[in-house]
Amino acid sequence: MTARERLRMHLVQALTRSDSADVREHLRAALREWEDLPPTPLVECPVCGRIGLPERIANHDCWTRRVGL
């Protein structure tokens, strides 16, 4: 799960668990702002050339790491 996906999950969970109308309205506003965020640019792994989201490329199982290059 990406940082953006986690953020949305937490906002939605907070919205569904809130008893305050004011808090729910603020959370709805935060979700609208989240929806308007520009997409995260894709990056390329400098080692193997794989392309993906920055946090996933940083943690992917690069084939060169497995063979010890």
N, C-alpha and C. Protein backbone atom coordinates (compact mmCIF):
# COMPACT_ATOMS: atom_id res chain seq x y z
N MET A 1 0.85 -1.17 0.00
CA MET A 1 0.00 0.00 0.00
C MET A 1 0.89 1.23 0.00
N THR A 2 0.59 2.19 -0.87
CA THR A 2 1.40 3.40 -0.95
C THR A 2 1.03 4.37 0.16
N ALA A 3 1.85 5.39 0.35
CA ALA A 3 1.57 6.42 1.36
C ALA A 3 0.25 7.11 1.05
N ARG A 4 0.00 7.35 -0.23
CA ARG A 4 -1.28 7.99 -0.61
C ARG A 4 -2.46 7.09 -0.29
N GLU A 5 -2.32 5.81 -0.56
CA GLU A 5 -3.40 4.86 -0.25
C GLU A 5 -3.64 4.78 1.25
N ARG A 6 -2.56 4.79 2.03
CA ARG A 6 -2.70 4.76 3.49
C ARG A 6 -3.39 6.02 4.00
N LEU A 7 -3.01 7.16 3.44
CA LEU A 7 -3.63 8.43 3.85
C LEU A 7 -5.13 8.40 3.60
N ARG A 8 -5.52 7.96 2.42
CA ARG A 8 -6.95 7.90 2.10
C ARG A 8 -7.67 6.92 3.03
N MET A 9 -7.06 5.79 3.29
CA MET A 9 -7.66 4.80 4.18
C MET A 9 -7.91 5.40 5.56
N HIS A 10 -6.93 6.12 6.10
CA HIS A 10 -7.07 6.70 7.43
C HIS A 10 -8.13 7.79 7.44
N LEU A 11 -8.19 8.60 6.40
CA LEU A 11 -9.22 9.64 6.34
C LEU A 11 -10.61 9.03 6.29
N VAL A 12 -10.80 8.00 5.48
CA VAL A 12 -12.10 7.35 5.37
C VAL A 12 -12.47 6.68 6.68
N GLN A 13 -11.52 6.00 7.32
CA GLN A 13 -11.82 5.37 8.60
C GLN A 13 -12.20 6.40 9.65
N ALA A 14 -11.49 7.50 9.69
CA ALA A 14 -11.82 8.56 10.65
C ALA A 14 -13.20 9.13 10.36
N LEU A 15 -13.53 9.29 9.10
CA LEU A 15 -14.84 9.81 8.72
C LEU A 15 -15.96 8.88 9.20
N THR A 16 -15.79 7.59 9.02
CA THR A 16 -16.84 6.65 9.39
C THR A 16 -16.95 6.47 10.90
N ARG A 17 -15.92 6.83 11.64
CA ARG A 17 -15.93 6.62 13.10
C ARG A 17 -16.23 7.88 13.90
N SER A 18 -16.32 9.01 13.23
CA SER A 18 -16.51 10.27 13.94
C SER A 18 -17.97 10.47 14.34
N ASP A 19 -18.16 10.99 15.54
CA ASP A 19 -19.50 11.31 16.03
C ASP A 19 -19.83 12.78 15.84
N SER A 20 -18.84 13.58 15.48
CA SER A 20 -19.02 15.02 15.36
C SER A 20 -19.29 15.42 13.92
N ALA A 21 -20.35 16.17 13.71
CA ALA A 21 -20.68 16.66 12.36
C ALA A 21 -19.59 17.59 11.84
N ASP A 22 -19.02 18.41 12.72
CA ASP A 22 -17.95 19.32 12.30
C ASP A 22 -16.71 18.55 11.85
N VAL A 23 -16.35 17.53 12.60
CA VAL A 23 -15.18 16.73 12.25
C VAL A 23 -15.42 16.01 10.93
N ARG A 24 -16.62 15.44 10.76
CA ARG A 24 -16.93 14.75 9.50
C ARG A 24 -16.83 15.70 8.31
N GLU A 25 -17.28 16.93 8.49
CA GLU A 25 -17.19 17.90 7.38
C GLU A 25 -15.73 18.22 7.06
N HIS A 26 -14.89 18.35 8.06
CA HIS A 26 -13.46 18.59 7.82
C HIS A 26 -12.82 17.39 7.12
N LEU A 27 -13.19 16.20 7.52
CA LEU A 27 -12.64 15.00 6.88
C LEU A 27 -13.12 14.88 5.44
N ARG A 28 -14.37 15.23 5.17
CA ARG A 28 -14.85 15.23 3.78
C ARG A 28 -14.06 16.24 2.94
N ALA A 29 -13.78 17.39 3.53
CA ALA A 29 -12.98 18.40 2.82
C ALA A 29 -11.57 17.88 2.56
N ALA A 30 -11.00 17.19 3.53
CA ALA A 30 -9.66 16.62 3.35
C ALA A 30 -9.67 15.57 2.24
N LEU A 31 -10.72 14.75 2.18
CA LEU A 31 -10.81 13.75 1.11
C LEU A 31 -10.97 14.41 -0.26
N ARG A 32 -11.72 15.51 -0.32
CA ARG A 32 -11.83 16.24 -1.60
C ARG A 32 -10.47 16.78 -2.03
N GLU A 33 -9.72 17.30 -1.09
CA GLU A 33 -8.37 17.80 -1.41
C GLU A 33 -7.48 16.64 -1.86
N TRP A 34 -7.59 15.50 -1.19
CA TRP A 34 -6.80 14.32 -1.58
C TRP A 34 -7.12 13.92 -3.01
N GLU A 35 -8.41 13.95 -3.37
CA GLU A 35 -8.81 13.57 -4.73
C GLU A 35 -8.26 14.53 -5.78
N ASP A 36 -8.02 15.79 -5.40
CA ASP A 36 -7.50 16.79 -6.33
C ASP A 36 -5.98 16.81 -6.43
N LEU A 37 -5.30 15.99 -5.64
CA LEU A 37 -3.84 15.94 -5.71
C LEU A 37 -3.39 15.43 -7.08
N PRO A 38 -2.30 15.98 -7.59
CA PRO A 38 -1.80 15.45 -8.86
C PRO A 38 -1.27 14.04 -8.66
N PRO A 39 -1.26 13.25 -9.71
CA PRO A 39 -0.75 11.88 -9.57
C PRO A 39 0.74 11.89 -9.21
N THR A 40 1.14 10.88 -8.49
CA THR A 40 2.55 10.74 -8.14
C THR A 40 3.32 10.34 -9.40
N PRO A 41 4.38 11.07 -9.73
CA PRO A 41 5.15 10.72 -10.92
C PRO A 41 5.85 9.37 -10.75
N LEU A 42 5.94 8.63 -11.82
CA LEU A 42 6.63 7.35 -11.80
C LEU A 42 8.13 7.58 -11.91
N VAL A 43 8.90 6.68 -11.33
CA VAL A 43 10.37 6.75 -11.39
C VAL A 43 10.91 5.44 -11.93
N GLU A 44 12.15 5.49 -12.37
CA GLU A 44 12.81 4.31 -12.91
C GLU A 44 13.92 3.86 -11.98
N CYS A 45 14.02 2.57 -11.74
CA CYS A 45 15.10 2.02 -10.93
C CYS A 45 16.41 2.23 -11.70
N PRO A 46 17.40 2.85 -11.07
CA PRO A 46 18.66 3.08 -11.77
C PRO A 46 19.45 1.81 -12.04
N VAL A 47 19.10 0.73 -11.36
CA VAL A 47 19.83 -0.52 -11.51
C VAL A 47 19.24 -1.41 -12.60
N CYS A 48 17.92 -1.66 -12.51
CA CYS A 48 17.31 -2.61 -13.44
C CYS A 48 16.38 -1.97 -14.46
N GLY A 49 16.02 -0.69 -14.26
CA GLY A 49 15.16 0.00 -15.22
C GLY A 49 13.68 -0.17 -14.99
N ARG A 50 13.29 -0.88 -13.94
CA ARG A 50 11.88 -1.06 -13.64
C ARG A 50 11.26 0.30 -13.33
N ILE A 51 10.01 0.51 -13.76
CA ILE A 51 9.33 1.80 -13.56
C ILE A 51 8.15 1.59 -12.63
N GLY A 52 7.96 2.53 -11.70
CA GLY A 52 6.83 2.45 -10.78
C GLY A 52 6.80 3.64 -9.83
N LEU A 53 5.93 3.56 -8.84
CA LEU A 53 5.84 4.60 -7.83
C LEU A 53 7.13 4.65 -7.02
N PRO A 54 7.55 5.85 -6.60
CA PRO A 54 8.83 5.97 -5.89
C PRO A 54 8.98 5.03 -4.70
N GLU A 55 7.95 4.94 -3.84
CA GLU A 55 8.08 4.09 -2.66
C GLU A 55 8.12 2.61 -3.01
N ARG A 56 7.52 2.24 -4.12
CA ARG A 56 7.56 0.83 -4.52
C ARG A 56 8.88 0.50 -5.20
N ILE A 57 9.43 1.41 -5.97
CA ILE A 57 10.73 1.18 -6.60
C ILE A 57 11.81 1.11 -5.53
N ALA A 58 11.69 1.95 -4.51
CA ALA A 58 12.69 1.94 -3.43
C ALA A 58 12.71 0.60 -2.70
N ASN A 59 11.59 -0.12 -2.72
CA ASN A 59 11.49 -1.37 -1.96
C ASN A 59 11.30 -2.60 -2.84
N HIS A 60 11.44 -2.47 -4.16
CA HIS A 60 11.17 -3.62 -5.02
C HIS A 60 12.31 -4.64 -4.97
N ASP A 61 12.00 -5.84 -5.41
CA ASP A 61 12.97 -6.94 -5.39
C ASP A 61 13.74 -6.91 -6.71
N CYS A 62 14.73 -6.05 -6.80
CA CYS A 62 15.52 -5.88 -8.01
C CYS A 62 16.33 -7.15 -8.28
N TRP A 63 16.25 -7.66 -9.48
CA TRP A 63 16.94 -8.92 -9.81
C TRP A 63 18.44 -8.82 -9.58
N THR A 64 19.04 -7.64 -9.71
CA THR A 64 20.49 -7.53 -9.49
C THR A 64 20.85 -7.68 -8.02
N ARG A 65 19.92 -7.37 -7.12
CA ARG A 65 20.17 -7.58 -5.69
C ARG A 65 20.20 -9.07 -5.37
N ARG A 66 19.34 -9.85 -6.07
CA ARG A 66 19.27 -11.28 -5.81
C ARG A 66 20.52 -11.99 -6.26
N VAL A 67 21.11 -11.53 -7.38
CA VAL A 67 22.30 -12.23 -7.90
C VAL A 67 23.59 -11.63 -7.38
N GLY A 68 23.48 -10.56 -6.55
CA GLY A 68 24.66 -9.99 -5.92
C GLY A 68 25.49 -9.08 -6.78
N LEU A 69 24.88 -8.46 -7.77
CA LEU A 69 25.64 -7.50 -8.62
C LEU A 69 25.72 -6.15 -7.98
